[in-house]
């Protein structure tokens, strides 16, 4: 082999190695992206469930307050109470 063939062969093998490393890096990046997307979706679902539960507790508390303070008038707000 001549030195040109040696250089050509070594550069080709370096390119193949570089392409392999690049593909591996891209694959790792894609896996990492999918993992973080899944984690973000799980967290968003968790936060949404927590918010829904808090809204339900608040709604129930307001409903209980309204039932407790209901004065027979509609709507049952304090400003509708008639004072003599």
PDB file of N, CA and C in Angstrom:
ATOM      1  N   UNK A   1       0.824  -1.175   0.000  1.00  0.00           N
ATOM      2  CA  UNK A   1       0.000   0.000   0.000  1.00  0.00           C
ATOM      3  C   UNK A   1       0.874   1.246   0.000  1.00  0.00           C
ATOM      4  N   UNK A   2       0.380   2.200  -0.693  1.00  0.00           N
ATOM      5  CA  UNK A   2       1.101   3.470  -0.718  1.00  0.00           C
ATOM      6  C   UNK A   2       0.604   4.343   0.424  1.00  0.00           C
ATOM      7  N   UNK A   3       1.308   5.374   0.663  1.00  0.00           N
ATOM      8  CA  UNK A   3       0.937   6.252   1.760  1.00  0.00           C
ATOM      9  C   UNK A   3      -0.398   6.937   1.502  1.00  0.00           C
ATOM     10  N   UNK A   4      -0.754   7.173   0.215  1.00  0.00           N
ATOM     11  CA  UNK A   4      -2.053   7.763  -0.110  1.00  0.00           C
ATOM     12  C   UNK A   4      -3.189   6.816   0.254  1.00  0.00           C
ATOM     13  N   UNK A   5      -3.004   5.561  -0.024  1.00  0.00           N
ATOM     14  CA  UNK A   5      -4.027   4.571   0.310  1.00  0.00           C
ATOM     15  C   UNK A   5      -4.184   4.450   1.828  1.00  0.00           C
ATOM     16  N   UNK A   6      -3.060   4.512   2.531  1.00  0.00           N
ATOM     17  CA  UNK A   6      -3.106   4.440   3.993  1.00  0.00           C
ATOM     18  C   UNK A   6      -3.872   5.634   4.557  1.00  0.00           C
ATOM     19  N   UNK A   7      -3.582   6.815   4.042  1.00  0.00           N
ATOM     20  CA  UNK A   7      -4.269   8.023   4.502  1.00  0.00           C
ATOM     21  C   UNK A   7      -5.752   7.949   4.162  1.00  0.00           C
ATOM     22  N   UNK A   8      -6.078   7.509   2.962  1.00  0.00           N
ATOM     23  CA  UNK A   8      -7.470   7.383   2.538  1.00  0.00           C
ATOM     24  C   UNK A   8      -8.214   6.379   3.421  1.00  0.00           C
ATOM     25  N   UNK A   9      -7.573   5.243   3.670  1.00  0.00           N
ATOM     26  CA  UNK A   9      -8.192   4.224   4.513  1.00  0.00           C
ATOM     27  C   UNK A   9      -8.393   4.728   5.940  1.00  0.00           C
ATOM     28  N   UNK A  10      -7.409   5.381   6.495  1.00  0.00           N
ATOM     29  CA  UNK A  10      -7.532   5.884   7.862  1.00  0.00           C
ATOM     30  C   UNK A  10      -8.591   6.980   7.943  1.00  0.00           C
ATOM     31  N   UNK A  11      -8.686   7.838   6.940  1.00  0.00           N
ATOM     32  CA  UNK A  11      -9.700   8.897   6.961  1.00  0.00           C
ATOM     33  C   UNK A  11     -11.097   8.304   6.803  1.00  0.00           C
ATOM     34  N   UNK A  12     -11.234   7.261   5.976  1.00  0.00           N
ATOM     35  CA  UNK A  12     -12.531   6.599   5.833  1.00  0.00           C
ATOM     36  C   UNK A  12     -12.951   5.920   7.142  1.00  0.00           C
ATOM     37  N   UNK A  13     -12.025   5.256   7.771  1.00  0.00           N
ATOM     38  CA  UNK A  13     -12.355   4.599   9.038  1.00  0.00           C
ATOM     39  C   UNK A  13     -12.698   5.643  10.107  1.00  0.00           C
ATOM     40  N   UNK A  14     -12.027   6.781  10.089  1.00  0.00           N
ATOM     41  CA  UNK A  14     -12.331   7.852  11.030  1.00  0.00           C
ATOM     42  C   UNK A  14     -13.730   8.409  10.772  1.00  0.00           C
ATOM     43  N   UNK A  15     -14.107   8.538   9.504  1.00  0.00           N
ATOM     44  CA  UNK A  15     -15.442   9.027   9.159  1.00  0.00           C
ATOM     45  C   UNK A  15     -16.519   8.043   9.611  1.00  0.00           C
ATOM     46  N   UNK A  16     -16.264   6.750   9.409  1.00  0.00           N
ATOM     47  CA  UNK A  16     -17.229   5.733   9.840  1.00  0.00           C
ATOM     48  C   UNK A  16     -17.384   5.770  11.351  1.00  0.00           C
ATOM     49  N   UNK A  17     -16.272   5.882  12.056  1.00  0.00           N
ATOM     50  CA  UNK A  17     -16.308   5.964  13.506  1.00  0.00           C
ATOM     51  C   UNK A  17     -17.051   7.216  13.965  1.00  0.00           C
ATOM     52  N   UNK A  18     -16.798   8.340  13.290  1.00  0.00           N
ATOM     53  CA  UNK A  18     -17.454   9.591  13.622  1.00  0.00           C
ATOM     54  C   UNK A  18     -18.960   9.489  13.378  1.00  0.00           C
ATOM     55  N   UNK A  19     -19.349   8.882  12.274  1.00  0.00           N
ATOM     56  CA  UNK A  19     -20.774   8.702  11.971  1.00  0.00           C
ATOM     57  C   UNK A  19     -21.433   7.808  13.018  1.00  0.00           C
ATOM     58  N   UNK A  20     -20.744   6.773  13.435  1.00  0.00           N
ATOM     59  CA  UNK A  20     -21.276   5.880  14.452  1.00  0.00           C
ATOM     60  C   UNK A  20     -21.454   6.620  15.775  1.00  0.00           C
ATOM     61  N   UNK A  21     -20.445   7.401  16.145  1.00  0.00           N
ATOM     62  CA  UNK A  21     -20.540   8.176  17.373  1.00  0.00           C
ATOM     63  C   UNK A  21     -21.671   9.207  17.288  1.00  0.00           C
ATOM     64  N   UNK A  22     -21.811   9.825  16.141  1.00  0.00           N
ATOM     65  CA  UNK A  22     -22.866  10.820  15.948  1.00  0.00           C
ATOM     66  C   UNK A  22     -24.235  10.170  16.061  1.00  0.00           C
ATOM     67  N   UNK A  23     -24.408   9.016  15.428  1.00  0.00           N
ATOM     68  CA  UNK A  23     -25.686   8.315  15.534  1.00  0.00           C
ATOM     69  C   UNK A  23     -25.980   7.923  16.977  1.00  0.00           C
ATOM     70  N   UNK A  24     -24.974   7.458  17.686  1.00  0.00           N
ATOM     71  CA  UNK A  24     -25.156   7.083  19.086  1.00  0.00           C
ATOM     72  C   UNK A  24     -25.542   8.296  19.928  1.00  0.00           C
ATOM     73  N   UNK A  25     -24.881   9.420  19.665  1.00  0.00           N
ATOM     74  CA  UNK A  25     -25.188  10.647  20.396  1.00  0.00           C
ATOM     75  C   UNK A  25     -26.614  11.108  20.098  1.00  0.00           C
ATOM     76  N   UNK A  26     -27.018  11.042  18.835  1.00  0.00           N
ATOM     77  CA  UNK A  26     -28.376  11.424  18.471  1.00  0.00           C
ATOM     78  C   UNK A  26     -29.399  10.505  19.122  1.00  0.00           C
ATOM     79  N   UNK A  27     -29.098   9.217  19.157  1.00  0.00           N
ATOM     80  CA  UNK A  27     -29.990   8.258  19.797  1.00  0.00           C
ATOM     81  C   UNK A  27     -30.101   8.537  21.294  1.00  0.00           C
ATOM     82  N   UNK A  28     -28.965   8.816  21.930  1.00  0.00           N
ATOM     83  CA  UNK A  28     -28.981   9.154  23.360  1.00  0.00           C
ATOM     84  C   UNK A  28     -29.775  10.440  23.621  1.00  0.00           C
ATOM     85  N   UNK A  29     -29.594  11.435  22.752  1.00  0.00           N
ATOM     86  CA  UNK A  29     -30.337  12.684  22.891  1.00  0.00           C
ATOM     87  C   UNK A  29     -31.836  12.444  22.770  1.00  0.00           C
ATOM     88  N   UNK A  30     -32.223  11.610  21.821  1.00  0.00           N
ATOM     89  CA  UNK A  30     -33.640  11.310  21.624  1.00  0.00           C
ATOM     90  C   UNK A  30     -34.215  10.586  22.838  1.00  0.00           C
ATOM     91  N   UNK A  31     -33.475   9.623  23.376  1.00  0.00           N
ATOM     92  CA  UNK A  31     -33.932   8.912  24.571  1.00  0.00           C
ATOM     93  C   UNK A  31     -34.058   9.856  25.763  1.00  0.00           C
ATOM     94  N   UNK A  32     -33.086  10.741  25.906  1.00  0.00           N
ATOM     95  CA  UNK A  32     -33.118  11.715  26.995  1.00  0.00           C
ATOM     96  C   UNK A  32     -34.319  12.657  26.832  1.00  0.00           C
ATOM     97  N   UNK A  33     -34.563  13.099  25.611  1.00  0.00           N
ATOM     98  CA  UNK A  33     -35.688  13.989  25.333  1.00  0.00           C
ATOM     99  C   UNK A  33     -37.020  13.296  25.663  1.00  0.00           C
ATOM    100  N   UNK A  34     -37.143  12.028  25.258  1.00  0.00           N
ATOM    101  CA  UNK A  34     -38.362  11.280  25.563  1.00  0.00           C
ATOM    102  C   UNK A  34     -38.547  11.113  27.070  1.00  0.00           C
ATOM    103  N   UNK A  35     -37.460  10.818  27.770  1.00  0.00           N
ATOM    104  CA  UNK A  35     -37.535  10.641  29.225  1.00  0.00           C
ATOM    105  C   UNK A  35     -38.012  11.919  29.895  1.00  0.00           C
ATOM    106  N   UNK A  36     -37.413  13.064  29.542  1.00  0.00           N
ATOM    107  CA  UNK A  36     -37.799  14.318  30.178  1.00  0.00           C
ATOM    108  C   UNK A  36     -39.210  14.738  29.784  1.00  0.00           C
ATOM    109  N   UNK A  37     -39.616  14.428  28.572  1.00  0.00           N
ATOM    110  CA  UNK A  37     -40.983  14.726  28.162  1.00  0.00           C
ATOM    111  C   UNK A  37     -41.980  13.904  28.986  1.00  0.00           C
ATOM    112  N   UNK A  38     -41.662  12.638  29.191  1.00  0.00           N
ATOM    113  CA  UNK A  38     -42.517  11.779  30.015  1.00  0.00           C
ATOM    114  C   UNK A  38     -42.588  12.288  31.450  1.00  0.00           C
ATOM    115  N   UNK A  39     -41.439  12.676  32.008  1.00  0.00           N
ATOM    116  CA  UNK A  39     -41.418  13.219  33.365  1.00  0.00           C
ATOM    117  C   UNK A  39     -42.241  14.504  33.459  1.00  0.00           C
ATOM    118  N   UNK A  40     -42.114  15.369  32.464  1.00  0.00           N
ATOM    119  CA  UNK A  40     -42.865  16.619  32.457  1.00  0.00           C
ATOM    120  C   UNK A  40     -44.375  16.342  32.378  1.00  0.00           C
ATOM    121  N   UNK A  41     -44.767  15.383  31.533  1.00  0.00           N
ATOM    122  CA  UNK A  41     -46.183  15.046  31.415  1.00  0.00           C
ATOM    123  C   UNK A  41     -46.730  14.479  32.719  1.00  0.00           C
ATOM    124  N   UNK A  42     -45.955  13.621  33.377  1.00  0.00           N
ATOM    125  CA  UNK A  42     -46.395  13.073  34.656  1.00  0.00           C
ATOM    126  C   UNK A  42     -46.548  14.178  35.693  1.00  0.00           C
ATOM    127  N   UNK A  43     -45.618  15.108  35.727  1.00  0.00           N
ATOM    128  CA  UNK A  43     -45.704  16.207  36.687  1.00  0.00           C
ATOM    129  C   UNK A  43     -46.897  17.102  36.391  1.00  0.00           C
ATOM    130  N   UNK A  44     -47.141  17.392  35.096  1.00  0.00           N
ATOM    131  CA  UNK A  44     -48.283  18.217  34.726  1.00  0.00           C
ATOM    132  C   UNK A  44     -49.586  17.536  35.132  1.00  0.00           C
ATOM    133  N   UNK A  45     -49.672  16.223  34.951  1.00  0.00           N
ATOM    134  CA  UNK A  45     -50.863  15.491  35.368  1.00  0.00           C
ATOM    135  C   UNK A  45     -51.035  15.549  36.877  1.00  0.00           C
ATOM    136  N   UNK A  46     -49.936  15.396  37.609  1.00  0.00           N
ATOM    137  CA  UNK A  46     -49.985  15.474  39.064  1.00  0.00           C
ATOM    138  C   UNK A  46     -50.475  16.845  39.515  1.00  0.00           C
ATOM    139  N   UNK A  47     -49.930  17.902  38.930  1.00  0.00           N
ATOM    140  CA  UNK A  47     -50.316  19.261  39.305  1.00  0.00           C
ATOM    141  C   UNK A  47     -51.791  19.492  38.970  1.00  0.00           C
ATOM    142  N   UNK A  48     -52.233  19.002  37.828  1.00  0.00           N
ATOM    143  CA  UNK A  48     -53.632  19.169  37.450  1.00  0.00           C
ATOM    144  C   UNK A  48     -54.561  18.446  38.432  1.00  0.00           C
ATOM    145  N   UNK A  49     -54.187  17.243  38.847  1.00  0.00           N
ATOM    146  CA  UNK A  49     -54.993  16.518  39.833  1.00  0.00           C
ATOM    147  C   UNK A  49     -55.035  17.265  41.169  1.00  0.00           C
ATOM    148  N   UNK A  50     -53.884  17.782  41.589  1.00  0.00           N
ATOM    149  CA  UNK A  50     -53.844  18.542  42.846  1.00  0.00           C
ATOM    150  C   UNK A  50     -54.730  19.780  42.758  1.00  0.00           C
ATOM    151  N   UNK A  51     -54.678  20.476  41.630  1.00  0.00           N
ATOM    152  CA  UNK A  51     -55.492  21.676  41.439  1.00  0.00           C
ATOM    153  C   UNK A  51     -56.982  21.317  41.452  1.00  0.00           C
ATOM    154  N   UNK A  52     -57.340  20.225  40.770  1.00  0.00           N
ATOM    155  CA  UNK A  52     -58.739  19.797  40.755  1.00  0.00           C
ATOM    156  C   UNK A  52     -59.226  19.446  42.155  1.00  0.00           C
ATOM    157  N   UNK A  53     -58.403  18.740  42.925  1.00  0.00           N
ATOM    158  CA  UNK A  53     -58.784  18.394  44.293  1.00  0.00           C
ATOM    159  C   UNK A  53     -58.955  19.639  45.148  1.00  0.00           C
ATOM    160  N   UNK A  54     -58.050  20.603  44.986  1.00  0.00           N
ATOM    161  CA  UNK A  54     -58.156  21.845  45.759  1.00  0.00           C
ATOM    162  C   UNK A  54     -59.416  22.611  45.373  1.00  0.00           C
ATOM    163  N   UNK A  55     -59.722  22.667  44.085  1.00  0.00           N
ATOM    164  CA  UNK A  55     -60.937  23.349  43.640  1.00  0.00           C
ATOM    165  C   UNK A  55     -62.178  22.663  44.193  1.00  0.00           C
ATOM    166  N   UNK A  56     -62.176  21.334  44.235  1.00  0.00           N
ATOM    167  CA  UNK A  56     -63.305  20.581  44.780  1.00  0.00           C
ATOM    168  C   UNK A  56     -63.466  20.849  46.274  1.00  0.00           C
ATOM    169  N   UNK A  57     -62.353  20.865  47.013  1.00  0.00           N
ATOM    170  CA  UNK A  57     -62.434  21.167  48.450  1.00  0.00           C
ATOM    171  C   UNK A  57     -62.958  22.586  48.675  1.00  0.00           C
ATOM    172  N   UNK A  58     -62.478  23.522  47.874  1.00  0.00           N
ATOM    173  CA  UNK A  58     -62.940  24.905  47.999  1.00  0.00           C
ATOM    174  C   UNK A  58     -64.425  25.004  47.680  1.00  0.00           C
ATOM    175  N   UNK A  59     -64.846  24.338  46.620  1.00  0.00           N
ATOM    176  CA  UNK A  59     -66.257  24.363  46.234  1.00  0.00           C
ATOM    177  C   UNK A  59     -67.123  23.778  47.345  1.00  0.00           C
ATOM    178  N   UNK A  60     -66.699  22.661  47.928  1.00  0.00           N
ATOM    179  CA  UNK A  60     -67.453  22.036  49.013  1.00  0.00           C
ATOM    180  C   UNK A  60     -67.524  22.951  50.228  1.00  0.00           C
ATOM    181  N   UNK A  61     -66.401  23.609  50.556  1.00  0.00           N
ATOM    182  CA  UNK A  61     -66.384  24.513  51.709  1.00  0.00           C
ATOM    183  C   UNK A  61     -67.335  25.689  51.476  1.00  0.00           C
ATOM    184  N   UNK A  62     -67.321  26.251  50.282  1.00  0.00           N
ATOM    185  CA  UNK A  62     -68.217  27.369  49.969  1.00  0.00           C
ATOM    186  C   UNK A  62     -69.667  26.903  50.031  1.00  0.00           C
ATOM    187  N   UNK A  63     -69.934  25.727  49.503  1.00  0.00           N
ATOM    188  CA  UNK A  63     -71.296  25.193  49.539  1.00  0.00           C
ATOM    189  C   UNK A  63     -71.766  24.968  50.987  1.00  0.00           C
ATOM    190  N   UNK A  64     -70.892  24.443  51.824  1.00  0.00           N
ATOM    191  CA  UNK A  64     -71.253  24.253  53.232  1.00  0.00           C
ATOM    192  C   UNK A  64     -71.495  25.590  53.911  1.00  0.00           C
ATOM    193  N   UNK A  65     -70.667  26.573  53.611  1.00  0.00           N
ATOM    194  CA  UNK A  65     -70.849  27.907  54.194  1.00  0.00           C
ATOM    195  C   UNK A  65     -72.192  28.475  53.776  1.00  0.00           C
ATOM    196  N   UNK A  66     -72.521  28.327  52.487  1.00  0.00           N
ATOM    197  CA  UNK A  66     -73.799  28.864  51.998  1.00  0.00           C
ATOM    198  C   UNK A  66     -74.985  28.163  52.651  1.00  0.00           C
ATOM    199  N   UNK A  67     -74.882  26.846  52.813  1.00  0.00           N
ATOM    200  CA  UNK A  67     -75.973  26.121  53.452  1.00  0.00           C
ATOM    201  C   UNK A  67     -76.112  26.531  54.915  1.00  0.00           C
ATOM    202  N   UNK A  68     -75.012  26.718  55.600  1.00  0.00           N
ATOM    203  CA  UNK A  68     -75.048  27.083  57.016  1.00  0.00           C
ATOM    204  C   UNK A  68     -75.636  28.485  57.205  1.00  0.00           C
ATOM    205  N   UNK A  69     -75.286  29.408  56.316  1.00  0.00           N
ATOM    206  CA  UNK A  69     -75.704  30.800  56.448  1.00  0.00           C
ATOM    207  C   UNK A  69     -76.939  31.129  55.617  1.00  0.00           C
ATOM    208  N   UNK A  70     -77.583  30.131  55.070  1.00  0.00           N
ATOM    209  CA  UNK A  70     -78.747  30.392  54.219  1.00  0.00           C
ATOM    210  C   UNK A  70     -79.867  30.998  55.053  1.00  0.00           C
ATOM    211  N   UNK A  71     -80.441  32.095  54.586  1.00  0.00           N
ATOM    212  CA  UNK A  71     -81.451  32.809  55.369  1.00  0.00           C
ATOM    213  C   UNK A  71     -82.846  32.706  54.738  1.00  0.00           C
ATOM    214  N   UNK A  72     -83.027  31.826  53.786  1.00  0.00           N
ATOM    215  CA  UNK A  72     -84.341  31.653  53.169  1.00  0.00           C
ATOM    216  C   UNK A  72     -84.576  32.566  51.990  1.00  0.00           C
ATOM    217  N   UNK A  73     -83.680  33.456  51.738  1.00  0.00           N
ATOM    218  CA  UNK A  73     -83.807  34.350  50.590  1.00  0.00           C
ATOM    219  C   UNK A  73     -82.958  33.834  49.445  1.00  0.00           C
ATOM    220  N   UNK A  74     -83.314  34.251  48.244  1.00  0.00           N
ATOM    221  CA  UNK A  74     -82.524  33.842  47.089  1.00  0.00           C
ATOM    222  C   UNK A  74     -82.034  35.080  46.394  1.00  0.00           C
ATOM    223  N   UNK A  75     -80.828  35.196  46.034  1.00  0.00           N
ATOM    224  CA  UNK A  75     -79.716  34.321  46.364  1.00  0.00           C
ATOM    225  C   UNK A  75     -79.310  34.493  47.821  1.00  0.00           C
ATOM    226  N   UNK A  76     -78.625  33.505  48.338  1.00  0.00           N
ATOM    227  CA  UNK A  76     -78.344  33.491  49.781  1.00  0.00           C
ATOM    228  C   UNK A  76     -77.053  34.234  50.104  1.00  0.00           C
ATOM    229  N   UNK A  77     -77.039  35.512  49.795  1.00  0.00           N
ATOM    230  CA  UNK A  77     -75.862  36.320  50.095  1.00  0.00           C
ATOM    231  C   UNK A  77     -76.179  37.257  51.239  1.00  0.00           C
ATOM    232  N   UNK A  78     -75.149  37.678  51.923  1.00  0.00           N
ATOM    233  CA  UNK A  78     -75.351  38.533  53.088  1.00  0.00           C
ATOM    234  C   UNK A  78     -76.018  39.862  52.731  1.00  0.00           C
ATOM    235  N   UNK A  79     -75.760  40.401  51.550  1.00  0.00           N
ATOM    236  CA  UNK A  79     -76.307  41.711  51.212  1.00  0.00           C
ATOM    237  C   UNK A  79     -77.815  41.637  50.964  1.00  0.00           C
ATOM    238  N   UNK A  80     -78.399  40.434  50.875  1.00  0.00           N
ATOM    239  CA  UNK A  80     -79.837  40.300  50.697  1.00  0.00           C
ATOM    240  C   UNK A  80     -80.574  40.260  52.028  1.00  0.00           C
ATOM    241  N   UNK A  81     -79.858  40.193  53.122  1.00  0.00           N
ATOM    242  CA  UNK A  81     -80.525  40.137  54.424  1.00  0.00           C
ATOM    243  C   UNK A  81     -81.148  41.486  54.719  1.00  0.00           C
ATOM    244  N   UNK A  82     -82.377  41.417  55.189  1.00  0.00           N
ATOM    245  CA  UNK A  82     -83.099  42.651  55.497  1.00  0.00           C
ATOM    246  C   UNK A  82     -82.985  42.929  56.979  1.00  0.00           C
ATOM    247  N   UNK A  83     -82.510  44.088  57.287  1.00  0.00           N
ATOM    248  CA  UNK A  83     -82.359  44.491  58.688  1.00  0.00           C
ATOM    249  C   UNK A  83     -83.447  45.515  59.015  1.00  0.00           C
ATOM    250  N   UNK A  84     -84.009  45.366  60.173  1.00  0.00           N
ATOM    251  CA  UNK A  84     -85.075  46.296  60.606  1.00  0.00           C
ATOM    252  C   UNK A  84     -84.458  47.433  61.409  1.00  0.00           C
TER     253      UNK A  84
END
